[in-house]
């Protein structure tokens, strides 16, 4: 299996996409489908898929969100988000799962989210967030295998 980028970047991508989704869904109060669509249309998803080091580890989750949501993510929202204690929630977890699944499968974010939308990933949080991340990735991959049968 050829991975889209070296494994040394994976933890950084997971953390940054976790922050990206938590900011987008919690701080901006956007709907999962809107965040998914904006993420897929943005340079963020495309550059990560291409293995661009600037997007793998050169930008924070906040900076990725600024790229995807330049008109609605203001300095005030960022300052508020930074000043509050951070507790990873379902939104953060969904970003880490999505990053891991994309790295592991080498599939595009759009293919993954077409098969297993962000809202569905979020709905698995309570059941799967304490399990090893590979279990969730296997669940998502099973959907690909079922649709290829």
N, C-alpha and C. Protein backbone atom coordinates (compact mmCIF):
# COMPACT_ATOMS: atom_id res chain seq x y z
N UNK A 1 0.85 -1.20 0.00
CA UNK A 1 0.00 0.00 0.00
C UNK A 1 0.88 1.24 0.00
N UNK A 2 0.66 2.11 -0.95
CA UNK A 2 1.39 3.38 -1.02
C UNK A 2 0.56 4.45 -0.32
N UNK A 3 1.08 4.99 0.75
CA UNK A 3 0.36 6.02 1.50
C UNK A 3 0.56 7.37 0.83
N UNK A 4 -0.41 8.29 0.99
CA UNK A 4 -0.31 9.58 0.31
C UNK A 4 0.83 10.47 0.83
N UNK A 5 1.30 10.20 2.06
CA UNK A 5 2.43 10.92 2.62
C UNK A 5 3.03 10.06 3.72
N UNK A 6 4.22 10.41 4.15
CA UNK A 6 4.92 9.62 5.16
C UNK A 6 4.18 9.64 6.49
N UNK A 7 4.25 8.53 7.20
CA UNK A 7 3.55 8.38 8.47
C UNK A 7 3.99 9.40 9.52
N UNK A 8 5.19 9.95 9.39
CA UNK A 8 5.65 10.93 10.39
C UNK A 8 4.76 12.18 10.42
N UNK A 9 4.02 12.44 9.34
CA UNK A 9 3.12 13.59 9.28
C UNK A 9 1.73 13.29 9.80
N UNK A 10 1.39 12.02 9.94
CA UNK A 10 0.02 11.63 10.24
C UNK A 10 -0.52 12.25 11.53
N UNK A 11 0.24 12.21 12.59
CA UNK A 11 -0.24 12.76 13.87
C UNK A 11 -0.54 14.26 13.74
N UNK A 12 0.30 14.98 13.02
CA UNK A 12 0.09 16.41 12.81
C UNK A 12 -1.18 16.66 12.00
N UNK A 13 -1.38 15.89 10.95
CA UNK A 13 -2.58 16.06 10.12
C UNK A 13 -3.82 15.73 10.94
N UNK A 14 -3.77 14.67 11.73
CA UNK A 14 -4.92 14.31 12.56
C UNK A 14 -5.25 15.43 13.54
N UNK A 15 -4.24 15.94 14.21
CA UNK A 15 -4.46 17.02 15.18
C UNK A 15 -5.02 18.26 14.50
N UNK A 16 -4.45 18.64 13.38
CA UNK A 16 -4.89 19.85 12.70
C UNK A 16 -6.29 19.72 12.11
N UNK A 17 -6.61 18.56 11.55
CA UNK A 17 -7.98 18.38 11.05
C UNK A 17 -8.96 18.27 12.22
N UNK A 18 -8.51 17.73 13.34
CA UNK A 18 -9.36 17.72 14.53
C UNK A 18 -9.73 19.13 14.94
N UNK A 19 -8.73 20.01 15.05
CA UNK A 19 -9.01 21.41 15.39
C UNK A 19 -9.87 22.06 14.31
N UNK A 20 -9.57 21.78 13.06
CA UNK A 20 -10.33 22.34 11.95
C UNK A 20 -11.83 22.04 12.10
N UNK A 21 -12.15 20.77 12.33
CA UNK A 21 -13.56 20.39 12.43
C UNK A 21 -14.20 20.88 13.72
N UNK A 22 -13.44 20.91 14.80
CA UNK A 22 -14.02 21.41 16.04
C UNK A 22 -14.31 22.91 15.94
N UNK A 23 -13.41 23.66 15.36
CA UNK A 23 -13.63 25.09 15.16
C UNK A 23 -14.83 25.32 14.24
N UNK A 24 -14.86 24.60 13.14
CA UNK A 24 -15.92 24.79 12.14
C UNK A 24 -17.29 24.45 12.69
N UNK A 25 -17.38 23.36 13.41
CA UNK A 25 -18.68 22.89 13.89
C UNK A 25 -19.09 23.51 15.22
N UNK A 26 -18.14 23.75 16.12
CA UNK A 26 -18.48 24.29 17.45
C UNK A 26 -18.41 25.82 17.48
N UNK A 27 -17.27 26.37 17.09
CA UNK A 27 -17.09 27.81 17.21
C UNK A 27 -17.87 28.59 16.15
N UNK A 28 -17.97 28.02 14.95
CA UNK A 28 -18.72 28.70 13.89
C UNK A 28 -20.16 28.22 13.82
N UNK A 29 -20.49 27.17 14.57
CA UNK A 29 -21.85 26.63 14.61
C UNK A 29 -22.39 26.28 13.23
N UNK A 30 -21.53 25.73 12.39
CA UNK A 30 -21.96 25.33 11.05
C UNK A 30 -22.50 23.91 11.08
N UNK A 31 -23.33 23.59 10.13
CA UNK A 31 -23.89 22.26 10.00
C UNK A 31 -22.85 21.31 9.39
N UNK A 32 -22.86 20.04 9.80
CA UNK A 32 -21.88 19.09 9.27
C UNK A 32 -21.83 19.05 7.75
N UNK A 33 -22.99 19.08 7.08
CA UNK A 33 -22.99 19.03 5.61
C UNK A 33 -22.33 20.27 5.01
N UNK A 34 -22.53 21.43 5.62
CA UNK A 34 -21.90 22.66 5.13
C UNK A 34 -20.39 22.62 5.34
N UNK A 35 -19.96 22.13 6.49
CA UNK A 35 -18.53 22.02 6.75
C UNK A 35 -17.91 21.02 5.79
N UNK A 36 -18.56 19.90 5.59
CA UNK A 36 -18.06 18.88 4.67
C UNK A 36 -17.91 19.45 3.26
N UNK A 37 -18.94 20.13 2.78
CA UNK A 37 -18.89 20.69 1.43
C UNK A 37 -17.80 21.74 1.28
N UNK A 38 -17.67 22.60 2.29
CA UNK A 38 -16.63 23.65 2.23
C UNK A 38 -15.25 23.03 2.31
N UNK A 39 -15.06 22.06 3.18
CA UNK A 39 -13.78 21.36 3.30
C UNK A 39 -13.39 20.72 1.97
N UNK A 40 -14.33 20.04 1.33
CA UNK A 40 -14.03 19.37 0.07
C UNK A 40 -13.75 20.35 -1.07
N UNK A 41 -14.38 21.51 -1.03
CA UNK A 41 -14.17 22.51 -2.08
C UNK A 41 -12.90 23.34 -1.85
N UNK A 42 -12.36 23.28 -0.65
CA UNK A 42 -11.21 24.12 -0.30
C UNK A 42 -9.89 23.50 -0.71
N UNK A 43 -8.86 24.34 -0.68
CA UNK A 43 -7.50 23.85 -0.93
C UNK A 43 -7.03 22.93 0.18
N UNK A 44 -7.63 23.03 1.35
CA UNK A 44 -7.18 22.24 2.49
C UNK A 44 -7.20 20.75 2.16
N UNK A 45 -8.34 20.25 1.73
CA UNK A 45 -8.44 18.82 1.44
C UNK A 45 -7.53 18.41 0.28
N UNK A 46 -7.49 19.21 -0.74
CA UNK A 46 -6.69 18.88 -1.93
C UNK A 46 -5.19 18.87 -1.62
N UNK A 47 -4.74 19.84 -0.84
CA UNK A 47 -3.31 19.93 -0.53
C UNK A 47 -2.86 18.81 0.41
N UNK A 48 -3.71 18.41 1.33
CA UNK A 48 -3.38 17.27 2.20
C UNK A 48 -3.28 16.00 1.36
N UNK A 49 -4.24 15.79 0.48
CA UNK A 49 -4.21 14.62 -0.40
C UNK A 49 -2.95 14.57 -1.25
N UNK A 50 -2.47 15.74 -1.68
CA UNK A 50 -1.26 15.80 -2.50
C UNK A 50 0.01 15.65 -1.67
N UNK A 51 -0.14 15.69 -0.34
CA UNK A 51 1.04 15.55 0.53
C UNK A 51 1.86 16.82 0.63
N UNK A 52 1.24 17.98 0.44
CA UNK A 52 1.94 19.26 0.55
C UNK A 52 2.34 19.47 2.01
N UNK A 53 3.65 19.50 2.31
CA UNK A 53 4.09 19.62 3.70
C UNK A 53 3.57 20.86 4.41
N UNK A 54 3.31 21.93 3.67
CA UNK A 54 2.77 23.14 4.28
C UNK A 54 1.40 22.87 4.89
N UNK A 55 0.62 21.97 4.29
CA UNK A 55 -0.70 21.64 4.79
C UNK A 55 -0.67 20.42 5.72
N UNK A 56 0.38 19.63 5.64
CA UNK A 56 0.50 18.48 6.52
C UNK A 56 0.94 18.89 7.93
N UNK A 57 1.90 19.82 7.99
CA UNK A 57 2.41 20.20 9.32
C UNK A 57 2.79 21.67 9.42
N UNK A 58 2.66 22.42 8.35
CA UNK A 58 3.09 23.81 8.36
C UNK A 58 2.02 24.80 8.77
N UNK A 59 0.79 24.32 8.88
CA UNK A 59 -0.31 25.19 9.28
C UNK A 59 -1.07 24.53 10.43
N UNK A 60 -1.57 25.35 11.32
CA UNK A 60 -2.38 24.84 12.43
C UNK A 60 -3.80 24.59 11.94
N UNK A 61 -4.59 23.96 12.78
CA UNK A 61 -6.00 23.76 12.46
C UNK A 61 -6.73 25.09 12.29
N UNK A 62 -6.33 26.09 13.07
CA UNK A 62 -6.93 27.42 12.95
C UNK A 62 -6.60 28.02 11.59
N UNK A 63 -5.36 27.87 11.16
CA UNK A 63 -4.98 28.40 9.85
C UNK A 63 -5.69 27.67 8.72
N UNK A 64 -5.87 26.37 8.87
CA UNK A 64 -6.62 25.62 7.85
C UNK A 64 -8.06 26.11 7.79
N UNK A 65 -8.65 26.39 8.94
CA UNK A 65 -10.02 26.90 8.98
C UNK A 65 -10.10 28.30 8.35
N UNK A 66 -9.09 29.11 8.56
CA UNK A 66 -9.06 30.44 7.94
C UNK A 66 -9.03 30.34 6.42
N UNK A 67 -8.32 29.33 5.90
CA UNK A 67 -8.26 29.13 4.45
C UNK A 67 -9.63 28.71 3.92
N UNK A 68 -10.28 27.80 4.63
CA UNK A 68 -11.57 27.28 4.16
C UNK A 68 -12.72 28.25 4.39
N UNK A 69 -12.65 29.00 5.47
CA UNK A 69 -13.75 29.90 5.85
C UNK A 69 -13.26 31.35 6.03
N UNK A 70 -12.65 31.92 5.01
CA UNK A 70 -12.04 33.24 5.19
C UNK A 70 -13.04 34.36 5.50
N UNK A 71 -14.27 34.23 5.07
CA UNK A 71 -15.24 35.31 5.27
C UNK A 71 -15.95 35.25 6.61
N UNK A 72 -15.98 34.07 7.25
CA UNK A 72 -16.73 33.97 8.50
C UNK A 72 -15.88 33.70 9.73
N UNK A 73 -14.65 33.26 9.55
CA UNK A 73 -13.79 33.01 10.70
C UNK A 73 -13.01 34.28 10.99
N UNK A 74 -13.43 35.00 12.01
CA UNK A 74 -12.83 36.29 12.34
C UNK A 74 -11.77 36.13 13.43
N UNK A 75 -10.97 37.16 13.59
CA UNK A 75 -9.97 37.17 14.66
C UNK A 75 -10.63 37.02 16.03
N UNK A 76 -11.80 37.62 16.21
CA UNK A 76 -12.51 37.52 17.49
C UNK A 76 -12.89 36.07 17.80
N UNK A 77 -13.35 35.34 16.81
CA UNK A 77 -13.71 33.94 17.01
C UNK A 77 -12.47 33.12 17.35
N UNK A 78 -11.38 33.39 16.66
CA UNK A 78 -10.13 32.67 16.93
C UNK A 78 -9.64 32.99 18.33
N UNK A 79 -9.64 34.28 18.71
CA UNK A 79 -9.19 34.66 20.06
C UNK A 79 -10.05 33.99 21.13
N UNK A 80 -11.35 33.95 20.91
CA UNK A 80 -12.25 33.30 21.87
C UNK A 80 -11.94 31.81 21.96
N UNK A 81 -11.75 31.18 20.81
CA UNK A 81 -11.47 29.74 20.79
C UNK A 81 -10.15 29.43 21.48
N UNK A 82 -9.15 30.27 21.28
CA UNK A 82 -7.83 30.06 21.88
C UNK A 82 -7.87 30.31 23.39
N UNK A 83 -8.68 31.27 23.82
CA UNK A 83 -8.70 31.64 25.24
C UNK A 83 -9.47 30.64 26.10
N UNK A 84 -10.37 29.88 25.49
CA UNK A 84 -11.15 28.91 26.25
C UNK A 84 -10.35 27.63 26.43
N UNK A 85 -10.57 26.93 27.54
CA UNK A 85 -9.91 25.63 27.69
C UNK A 85 -10.37 24.71 26.56
N UNK A 86 -9.44 23.95 26.03
CA UNK A 86 -9.77 23.07 24.92
C UNK A 86 -10.01 21.65 25.42
N UNK A 87 -11.16 21.12 25.06
CA UNK A 87 -11.50 19.74 25.35
C UNK A 87 -11.89 19.09 24.03
N UNK A 88 -11.14 18.10 23.59
CA UNK A 88 -11.52 17.44 22.34
C UNK A 88 -12.92 16.83 22.46
N UNK A 89 -13.74 17.12 21.49
CA UNK A 89 -15.12 16.65 21.45
C UNK A 89 -15.31 15.77 20.22
N UNK A 90 -16.53 15.42 19.93
CA UNK A 90 -16.85 14.57 18.78
C UNK A 90 -16.33 15.18 17.48
N UNK A 91 -16.40 16.50 17.39
CA UNK A 91 -15.97 17.19 16.17
C UNK A 91 -14.47 17.01 15.95
N UNK A 92 -13.70 17.14 17.01
CA UNK A 92 -12.25 16.93 16.94
C UNK A 92 -11.97 15.49 16.53
N UNK A 93 -12.63 14.56 17.18
CA UNK A 93 -12.45 13.14 16.90
C UNK A 93 -12.74 12.84 15.43
N UNK A 94 -13.80 13.44 14.89
CA UNK A 94 -14.15 13.19 13.49
C UNK A 94 -13.02 13.61 12.55
N UNK A 95 -12.36 14.71 12.87
CA UNK A 95 -11.22 15.14 12.05
C UNK A 95 -10.05 14.18 12.11
N UNK A 96 -9.79 13.64 13.30
CA UNK A 96 -8.68 12.69 13.43
C UNK A 96 -9.01 11.39 12.69
N UNK A 97 -10.26 10.97 12.76
CA UNK A 97 -10.69 9.76 12.06
C UNK A 97 -10.57 9.95 10.55
N UNK A 98 -11.06 11.08 10.07
CA UNK A 98 -11.03 11.35 8.64
C UNK A 98 -9.59 11.40 8.12
N UNK A 99 -8.72 12.07 8.86
CA UNK A 99 -7.31 12.14 8.46
C UNK A 99 -6.68 10.75 8.42
N UNK A 100 -6.94 9.96 9.45
CA UNK A 100 -6.37 8.61 9.51
C UNK A 100 -6.89 7.75 8.36
N UNK A 101 -8.17 7.80 8.12
CA UNK A 101 -8.78 6.98 7.07
C UNK A 101 -8.24 7.38 5.69
N UNK A 102 -8.09 8.67 5.46
CA UNK A 102 -7.56 9.12 4.17
C UNK A 102 -6.12 8.66 4.00
N UNK A 103 -5.33 8.76 5.05
CA UNK A 103 -3.94 8.32 4.98
C UNK A 103 -3.87 6.81 4.75
N UNK A 104 -4.65 6.06 5.51
CA UNK A 104 -4.60 4.59 5.46
C UNK A 104 -5.06 4.05 4.11
N UNK A 105 -6.15 4.62 3.56
CA UNK A 105 -6.71 4.08 2.32
C UNK A 105 -6.10 4.71 1.07
N UNK A 106 -5.59 5.94 1.20
CA UNK A 106 -5.10 6.65 0.04
C UNK A 106 -6.22 7.20 -0.83
N UNK A 107 -7.46 7.03 -0.38
CA UNK A 107 -8.60 7.55 -1.13
C UNK A 107 -8.75 9.05 -0.88
N UNK A 108 -9.41 9.72 -1.79
CA UNK A 108 -9.65 11.15 -1.62
C UNK A 108 -10.65 11.37 -0.50
N UNK A 109 -10.58 12.56 0.09
CA UNK A 109 -11.56 12.92 1.11
C UNK A 109 -12.97 12.88 0.52
N UNK A 110 -13.11 13.30 -0.72
CA UNK A 110 -14.44 13.31 -1.33
C UNK A 110 -14.99 11.89 -1.48
N UNK A 111 -14.14 10.93 -1.82
CA UNK A 111 -14.60 9.53 -1.94
C UNK A 111 -15.00 8.99 -0.57
N UNK A 112 -14.20 9.30 0.44
CA UNK A 112 -14.50 8.83 1.79
C UNK A 112 -15.81 9.43 2.29
N UNK A 113 -15.95 10.74 2.14
CA UNK A 113 -17.14 11.41 2.66
C UNK A 113 -18.39 11.14 1.82
N UNK A 114 -18.22 10.74 0.58
CA UNK A 114 -19.37 10.32 -0.22
C UNK A 114 -19.89 8.98 0.30
N UNK A 115 -18.97 8.13 0.72
CA UNK A 115 -19.32 6.81 1.25
C UNK A 115 -19.78 6.88 2.70
N UNK A 116 -19.15 7.77 3.46
CA UNK A 116 -19.40 7.84 4.91
C UNK A 116 -19.36 9.31 5.30
N UNK A 117 -20.47 10.03 5.17
CA UNK A 117 -20.50 11.49 5.40
C UNK A 117 -20.07 11.89 6.82
N UNK A 118 -19.66 13.12 6.95
CA UNK A 118 -19.21 13.67 8.22
C UNK A 118 -20.26 13.48 9.31
N UNK A 119 -21.50 13.71 8.99
CA UNK A 119 -22.57 13.55 9.99
C UNK A 119 -22.62 12.11 10.51
N UNK A 120 -22.36 11.17 9.65
CA UNK A 120 -22.35 9.75 10.07
C UNK A 120 -21.14 9.45 10.94
N UNK A 121 -19.99 10.02 10.59
CA UNK A 121 -18.80 9.85 11.43
C UNK A 121 -19.09 10.40 12.82
N UNK A 122 -19.65 11.60 12.87
CA UNK A 122 -19.99 12.22 14.15
C UNK A 122 -20.95 11.36 14.97
N UNK A 123 -21.88 10.71 14.30
CA UNK A 123 -22.87 9.88 15.01
C UNK A 123 -22.24 8.65 15.64
N UNK A 124 -21.05 8.28 15.21
CA UNK A 124 -20.35 7.12 15.78
C UNK A 124 -19.48 7.47 16.98
N UNK A 125 -19.42 8.74 17.33
CA UNK A 125 -18.51 9.18 18.39
C UNK A 125 -18.73 8.43 19.70
N UNK A 126 -19.94 8.42 20.21
CA UNK A 126 -20.19 7.83 21.53
C UNK A 126 -19.89 6.34 21.56
N UNK A 127 -20.09 5.67 20.46
CA UNK A 127 -19.85 4.24 20.39
C UNK A 127 -18.37 3.92 20.16
N UNK A 128 -17.67 4.75 19.38
CA UNK A 128 -16.34 4.38 18.90
C UNK A 128 -15.17 5.22 19.41
N UNK A 129 -15.40 6.35 20.09
CA UNK A 129 -14.28 7.25 20.37
C UNK A 129 -13.24 6.69 21.34
N UNK A 130 -13.60 5.71 22.14
CA UNK A 130 -12.62 5.12 23.04
C UNK A 130 -11.93 3.90 22.43
N UNK A 131 -12.43 3.43 21.31
CA UNK A 131 -11.82 2.30 20.61
C UNK A 131 -10.59 2.77 19.84
N UNK A 132 -9.75 1.85 19.48
CA UNK A 132 -8.61 2.15 18.62
C UNK A 132 -9.15 2.74 17.31
N UNK A 133 -8.48 3.74 16.80
CA UNK A 133 -8.95 4.45 15.60
C UNK A 133 -9.05 3.52 14.39
N UNK A 134 -8.28 2.46 14.40
CA UNK A 134 -8.33 1.53 13.27
C UNK A 134 -9.70 0.86 13.16
N UNK A 135 -10.41 0.72 14.27
CA UNK A 135 -11.75 0.13 14.23
C UNK A 135 -12.71 1.01 13.43
N UNK A 136 -12.63 2.31 13.64
CA UNK A 136 -13.49 3.22 12.89
C UNK A 136 -13.07 3.25 11.43
N UNK A 137 -11.78 3.25 11.17
CA UNK A 137 -11.30 3.24 9.79
C UNK A 137 -11.75 1.96 9.08
N UNK A 138 -11.71 0.84 9.79
CA UNK A 138 -12.19 -0.42 9.21
C UNK A 138 -13.68 -0.37 8.91
N UNK A 139 -14.45 0.28 9.77
CA UNK A 139 -15.88 0.43 9.55
C UNK A 139 -16.14 1.25 8.29
N UNK A 140 -15.39 2.32 8.13
CA UNK A 140 -15.54 3.15 6.93
C UNK A 140 -15.11 2.38 5.69
N UNK A 141 -13.98 1.68 5.79
CA UNK A 141 -13.49 0.88 4.66
C UNK A 141 -14.47 -0.23 4.26
N UNK A 142 -15.16 -0.80 5.25
CA UNK A 142 -16.12 -1.86 4.96
C UNK A 142 -17.20 -1.35 4.01
N UNK A 143 -17.54 -0.09 4.14
CA UNK A 143 -18.51 0.50 3.22
C UNK A 143 -18.01 0.52 1.79
N UNK A 144 -16.71 0.75 1.60
CA UNK A 144 -16.13 0.71 0.26
C UNK A 144 -16.16 -0.71 -0.28
N UNK A 145 -15.80 -1.66 0.56
CA UNK A 145 -15.76 -3.05 0.12
C UNK A 145 -17.15 -3.56 -0.23
N UNK A 146 -18.17 -3.13 0.54
CA UNK A 146 -19.54 -3.55 0.29
C UNK A 146 -20.05 -2.96 -1.03
N UNK A 147 -19.67 -1.70 -1.31
CA UNK A 147 -20.16 -1.07 -2.54
C UNK A 147 -19.44 -1.61 -3.77
N UNK A 148 -18.26 -2.23 -3.60
CA UNK A 148 -17.53 -2.82 -4.72
C UNK A 148 -17.97 -4.25 -4.99
N UNK A 149 -18.77 -4.82 -4.10
CA UNK A 149 -19.21 -6.22 -4.28
C UNK A 149 -20.35 -6.33 -5.25
